[in-house]
Amino acid sequence: MRKRVAVLTAIVVTLAAAAAGIAIAAGDDDATEAPITGNELQKASAAALASTGGGRVTGTEVGDEESYYEVEVTLDDGHQVDVQLDKNFNVVSSDADSDGAGED
């Protein structure tokens, strides 16, 4: 009987660990993010920089959960702005990250 309980406990612990690993892997958005490339990168960057009034593009993504394109712009003061664009490179929204440079 004790051997049976020990085997069942080992199985439950193993299944719980596997489920936790799957949950952690599913939460990793970086693994599925595809950067914008080619002519689309130039158009998306130009639209984002026009929206923010300058800065530099520090990240891009196609198929973002909020829009078709996302362009991350780092402003001269170190703050970051995520600019959301539709398929035609029109700005649909933008939001400043709350953890910009100089903030602790």
N, C-alpha and C. Protein backbone atom coordinates (compact mmCIF):
# COMPACT_ATOMS: atom_id res chain seq x y z
N MET A 1 0.82 -1.19 0.00
CA MET A 1 0.00 0.00 0.00
C MET A 1 0.86 1.26 0.00
N ARG A 2 1.93 1.28 0.81
CA ARG A 2 2.80 2.45 0.86
C ARG A 2 3.51 2.67 -0.47
N LYS A 3 3.89 1.57 -1.10
CA LYS A 3 4.56 1.67 -2.39
C LYS A 3 3.61 2.30 -3.41
N ARG A 4 2.36 1.93 -3.37
CA ARG A 4 1.34 2.47 -4.29
C ARG A 4 1.16 3.97 -4.07
N VAL A 5 1.10 4.39 -2.82
CA VAL A 5 0.95 5.80 -2.49
C VAL A 5 2.19 6.58 -2.94
N ALA A 6 3.36 6.02 -2.76
CA ALA A 6 4.59 6.69 -3.17
C ALA A 6 4.63 6.86 -4.68
N VAL A 7 4.21 5.84 -5.42
CA VAL A 7 4.19 5.92 -6.88
C VAL A 7 3.17 6.96 -7.33
N LEU A 8 2.01 6.96 -6.75
CA LEU A 8 0.98 7.94 -7.10
C LEU A 8 1.43 9.36 -6.77
N THR A 9 2.10 9.53 -5.64
CA THR A 9 2.62 10.84 -5.26
C THR A 9 3.67 11.31 -6.26
N ALA A 10 4.54 10.42 -6.67
CA ALA A 10 5.57 10.77 -7.66
C ALA A 10 4.94 11.17 -8.99
N ILE A 11 3.90 10.46 -9.38
CA ILE A 11 3.21 10.79 -10.63
C ILE A 11 2.55 12.16 -10.54
N VAL A 12 1.88 12.43 -9.44
CA VAL A 12 1.22 13.72 -9.25
C VAL A 12 2.24 14.86 -9.25
N VAL A 13 3.37 14.68 -8.55
CA VAL A 13 4.40 15.71 -8.51
C VAL A 13 4.98 15.94 -9.90
N THR A 14 5.22 14.89 -10.65
CA THR A 14 5.76 15.01 -12.01
C THR A 14 4.78 15.74 -12.92
N LEU A 15 3.51 15.39 -12.85
CA LEU A 15 2.50 16.05 -13.67
C LEU A 15 2.36 17.52 -13.31
N ALA A 16 2.43 17.83 -12.03
CA ALA A 16 2.33 19.23 -11.60
C ALA A 16 3.52 20.03 -12.10
N ALA A 17 4.71 19.46 -12.05
CA ALA A 17 5.91 20.15 -12.54
C ALA A 17 5.82 20.37 -14.05
N ALA A 18 5.33 19.38 -14.77
CA ALA A 18 5.19 19.52 -16.22
C ALA A 18 4.16 20.59 -16.55
N ALA A 19 3.06 20.63 -15.84
CA ALA A 19 2.03 21.65 -16.07
C ALA A 19 2.57 23.04 -15.79
N ALA A 20 3.36 23.18 -14.75
CA ALA A 20 3.95 24.49 -14.42
C ALA A 20 4.90 24.92 -15.52
N GLY A 21 5.70 24.00 -16.05
CA GLY A 21 6.61 24.32 -17.14
C GLY A 21 5.88 24.76 -18.39
N ILE A 22 4.78 24.10 -18.70
CA ILE A 22 3.97 24.48 -19.86
C ILE A 22 3.37 25.86 -19.66
N ALA A 23 2.89 26.15 -18.47
CA ALA A 23 2.28 27.46 -18.20
C ALA A 23 3.32 28.56 -18.33
N ILE A 24 4.52 28.32 -17.85
CA ILE A 24 5.58 29.33 -17.96
C ILE A 24 5.95 29.54 -19.41
N ALA A 25 6.09 28.48 -20.17
CA ALA A 25 6.44 28.59 -21.59
C ALA A 25 5.35 29.30 -22.37
N ALA A 26 4.11 29.07 -22.05
CA ALA A 26 3.01 29.72 -22.76
C ALA A 26 2.98 31.21 -22.49
N GLY A 27 3.48 31.64 -21.36
CA GLY A 27 3.49 33.05 -21.01
C GLY A 27 4.65 33.82 -21.62
N ASP A 28 5.55 33.16 -22.34
CA ASP A 28 6.73 33.80 -22.91
C ASP A 28 6.39 34.34 -24.29
N ASP A 29 6.00 35.61 -24.37
CA ASP A 29 5.63 36.23 -25.64
C ASP A 29 6.83 36.42 -26.55
N ASP A 30 8.03 36.58 -26.00
CA ASP A 30 9.21 36.85 -26.81
C ASP A 30 9.47 35.74 -27.82
N ALA A 31 9.10 34.51 -27.49
CA ALA A 31 9.38 33.39 -28.38
C ALA A 31 8.53 33.44 -29.65
N THR A 32 7.40 34.12 -29.60
CA THR A 32 6.50 34.14 -30.75
C THR A 32 6.50 35.47 -31.48
N GLU A 33 7.24 36.45 -31.01
CA GLU A 33 7.26 37.77 -31.64
C GLU A 33 8.10 37.74 -32.91
N ALA A 34 7.51 38.24 -34.00
CA ALA A 34 8.25 38.35 -35.25
C ALA A 34 8.52 39.82 -35.53
N PRO A 35 9.77 40.19 -35.78
CA PRO A 35 10.09 41.59 -36.06
C PRO A 35 9.59 42.01 -37.44
N ILE A 36 9.35 43.29 -37.60
CA ILE A 36 8.98 43.85 -38.90
C ILE A 36 10.25 43.90 -39.73
N THR A 37 10.16 43.56 -41.01
CA THR A 37 11.34 43.55 -41.88
C THR A 37 11.05 44.26 -43.20
N GLY A 38 12.11 44.50 -43.95
CA GLY A 38 12.01 45.02 -45.31
C GLY A 38 11.37 46.39 -45.40
N ASN A 39 10.62 46.58 -46.49
CA ASN A 39 9.95 47.86 -46.76
C ASN A 39 8.94 48.20 -45.67
N GLU A 40 8.31 47.18 -45.09
CA GLU A 40 7.34 47.41 -44.02
C GLU A 40 8.02 48.03 -42.80
N LEU A 41 9.25 47.62 -42.53
CA LEU A 41 10.00 48.19 -41.41
C LEU A 41 10.22 49.68 -41.62
N GLN A 42 10.59 50.07 -42.82
CA GLN A 42 10.81 51.48 -43.12
C GLN A 42 9.53 52.29 -42.96
N LYS A 43 8.42 51.77 -43.47
CA LYS A 43 7.14 52.48 -43.38
C LYS A 43 6.65 52.57 -41.94
N ALA A 44 6.75 51.46 -41.22
CA ALA A 44 6.29 51.45 -39.83
C ALA A 44 7.15 52.37 -38.96
N SER A 45 8.46 52.35 -39.19
CA SER A 45 9.36 53.21 -38.42
C SER A 45 9.05 54.68 -38.68
N ALA A 46 8.86 55.03 -39.95
CA ALA A 46 8.56 56.42 -40.29
C ALA A 46 7.26 56.88 -39.64
N ALA A 47 6.24 56.04 -39.67
CA ALA A 47 4.95 56.40 -39.08
C ALA A 47 5.08 56.56 -37.57
N ALA A 48 5.80 55.66 -36.92
CA ALA A 48 5.97 55.72 -35.47
C ALA A 48 6.76 56.95 -35.05
N LEU A 49 7.86 57.22 -35.75
CA LEU A 49 8.69 58.37 -35.40
C LEU A 49 7.95 59.68 -35.66
N ALA A 50 7.11 59.73 -36.69
CA ALA A 50 6.30 60.93 -36.93
C ALA A 50 5.30 61.11 -35.79
N SER A 51 4.77 60.01 -35.29
CA SER A 51 3.80 60.07 -34.19
C SER A 51 4.43 60.54 -32.89
N THR A 52 5.66 60.11 -32.63
CA THR A 52 6.31 60.46 -31.37
C THR A 52 7.09 61.77 -31.46
N GLY A 53 7.29 62.26 -32.66
CA GLY A 53 8.05 63.49 -32.82
C GLY A 53 9.55 63.28 -32.74
N GLY A 54 10.01 62.07 -32.94
CA GLY A 54 11.43 61.77 -32.92
C GLY A 54 11.75 60.59 -32.05
N GLY A 55 13.04 60.41 -31.80
CA GLY A 55 13.51 59.26 -31.04
C GLY A 55 14.16 58.26 -31.97
N ARG A 56 14.29 57.03 -31.47
CA ARG A 56 14.85 55.98 -32.32
C ARG A 56 14.07 54.70 -32.10
N VAL A 57 13.91 53.94 -33.16
CA VAL A 57 13.18 52.68 -33.09
C VAL A 57 14.07 51.65 -32.40
N THR A 58 13.56 51.06 -31.32
CA THR A 58 14.33 50.09 -30.56
C THR A 58 13.70 48.70 -30.53
N GLY A 59 12.55 48.55 -31.17
CA GLY A 59 11.91 47.24 -31.25
C GLY A 59 10.71 47.29 -32.16
N THR A 60 10.43 46.16 -32.82
CA THR A 60 9.26 46.07 -33.68
C THR A 60 8.64 44.69 -33.55
N GLU A 61 7.38 44.61 -33.94
CA GLU A 61 6.68 43.33 -33.90
C GLU A 61 5.53 43.33 -34.90
N VAL A 62 5.42 42.24 -35.64
CA VAL A 62 4.27 42.03 -36.52
C VAL A 62 3.28 41.15 -35.78
N GLY A 63 2.00 41.48 -35.88
CA GLY A 63 0.98 40.64 -35.27
C GLY A 63 0.89 40.80 -33.77
N ASP A 64 1.13 42.00 -33.31
CA ASP A 64 1.01 42.29 -31.88
C ASP A 64 -0.42 42.05 -31.43
N GLU A 65 -0.62 41.75 -30.16
CA GLU A 65 -1.97 41.49 -29.65
C GLU A 65 -2.87 42.72 -29.70
N GLU A 66 -2.27 43.90 -29.80
CA GLU A 66 -3.06 45.13 -29.81
C GLU A 66 -3.27 45.72 -31.20
N SER A 67 -2.44 45.33 -32.17
CA SER A 67 -2.53 45.92 -33.50
C SER A 67 -1.77 45.03 -34.49
N TYR A 68 -1.79 45.44 -35.75
CA TYR A 68 -1.06 44.66 -36.75
C TYR A 68 0.45 44.81 -36.58
N TYR A 69 0.90 46.06 -36.40
CA TYR A 69 2.31 46.34 -36.16
C TYR A 69 2.47 47.06 -34.82
N GLU A 70 3.57 46.77 -34.14
CA GLU A 70 3.94 47.55 -32.96
C GLU A 70 5.38 48.01 -33.15
N VAL A 71 5.61 49.29 -32.91
CA VAL A 71 6.95 49.85 -32.99
C VAL A 71 7.27 50.49 -31.65
N GLU A 72 8.37 50.06 -31.05
CA GLU A 72 8.83 50.65 -29.80
C GLU A 72 9.83 51.75 -30.14
N VAL A 73 9.55 52.94 -29.64
CA VAL A 73 10.42 54.09 -29.88
C VAL A 73 10.98 54.54 -28.55
N THR A 74 12.31 54.72 -28.50
CA THR A 74 12.95 55.28 -27.32
C THR A 74 13.22 56.74 -27.59
N LEU A 75 12.63 57.60 -26.76
CA LEU A 75 12.78 59.04 -26.93
C LEU A 75 14.14 59.50 -26.42
N ASP A 76 14.51 60.71 -26.76
CA ASP A 76 15.81 61.26 -26.36
C ASP A 76 15.97 61.30 -24.84
N ASP A 77 14.86 61.41 -24.09
CA ASP A 77 14.95 61.44 -22.63
C ASP A 77 14.98 60.04 -22.01
N GLY A 78 14.98 59.00 -22.86
CA GLY A 78 15.06 57.63 -22.37
C GLY A 78 13.72 56.94 -22.20
N HIS A 79 12.63 57.66 -22.22
CA HIS A 79 11.32 57.04 -22.12
C HIS A 79 11.00 56.27 -23.39
N GLN A 80 10.21 55.22 -23.23
CA GLN A 80 9.81 54.41 -24.38
C GLN A 80 8.33 54.58 -24.65
N VAL A 81 7.99 54.58 -25.94
CA VAL A 81 6.61 54.68 -26.38
C VAL A 81 6.35 53.52 -27.33
N ASP A 82 5.28 52.77 -27.08
CA ASP A 82 4.86 51.71 -27.98
C ASP A 82 3.79 52.29 -28.90
N VAL A 83 4.08 52.30 -30.19
CA VAL A 83 3.16 52.85 -31.18
C VAL A 83 2.51 51.68 -31.91
N GLN A 84 1.17 51.65 -31.88
CA GLN A 84 0.40 50.59 -32.53
C GLN A 84 -0.06 51.09 -33.90
N LEU A 85 0.17 50.28 -34.93
CA LEU A 85 -0.19 50.65 -36.29
C LEU A 85 -1.09 49.59 -36.92
N ASP A 86 -1.97 50.03 -37.82
CA ASP A 86 -2.78 49.07 -38.57
C ASP A 86 -2.00 48.60 -39.80
N LYS A 87 -2.62 47.77 -40.66
CA LYS A 87 -1.96 47.22 -41.84
C LYS A 87 -1.52 48.30 -42.82
N ASN A 88 -2.16 49.45 -42.77
CA ASN A 88 -1.84 50.56 -43.68
C ASN A 88 -0.89 51.57 -43.04
N PHE A 89 -0.29 51.22 -41.92
CA PHE A 89 0.68 52.05 -41.21
C PHE A 89 0.06 53.31 -40.61
N ASN A 90 -1.23 53.26 -40.32
CA ASN A 90 -1.90 54.35 -39.61
C ASN A 90 -1.78 54.08 -38.12
N VAL A 91 -1.49 55.12 -37.35
CA VAL A 91 -1.39 54.97 -35.90
C VAL A 91 -2.78 54.74 -35.33
N VAL A 92 -2.92 53.66 -34.58
CA VAL A 92 -4.20 53.37 -33.93
C VAL A 92 -4.15 53.68 -32.44
N SER A 93 -2.95 53.67 -31.86
CA SER A 93 -2.77 54.07 -30.46
C SER A 93 -1.29 54.13 -30.16
N SER A 94 -0.98 54.78 -29.04
CA SER A 94 0.39 54.77 -28.54
C SER A 94 0.33 54.94 -27.04
N ASP A 95 1.27 54.33 -26.37
CA ASP A 95 1.31 54.47 -24.93
C ASP A 95 2.76 54.45 -24.45
N ALA A 96 3.03 55.34 -23.51
CA ALA A 96 4.37 55.43 -22.93
C ALA A 96 4.53 54.36 -21.87
N ASP A 97 5.65 53.69 -21.89
CA ASP A 97 5.95 52.72 -20.83
C ASP A 97 6.13 53.48 -19.54
N SER A 98 5.63 52.91 -18.45
CA SER A 98 5.69 53.61 -17.17
C SER A 98 7.04 53.50 -16.50
N ASP A 99 7.94 52.67 -17.05
CA ASP A 99 9.24 52.49 -16.39
C ASP A 99 10.36 53.07 -17.26
N GLY A 100 10.22 54.31 -17.63
CA GLY A 100 11.21 54.96 -18.47
C GLY A 100 12.51 55.23 -17.75
N ALA A 101 13.48 55.74 -18.48
CA ALA A 101 14.80 56.03 -17.90
C ALA A 101 14.69 57.09 -16.82
N GLY A 102 15.51 56.93 -15.82
CA GLY A 102 15.54 57.92 -14.75
C GLY A 102 14.50 57.67 -13.67
N GLU A 103 13.65 56.66 -13.86
CA GLU A 103 12.64 56.36 -12.85
C GLU A 103 13.06 55.09 -12.13
N ASP A 104 12.92 55.06 -10.84
CA ASP A 104 13.27 53.87 -10.07
C ASP A 104 12.07 53.27 -9.43
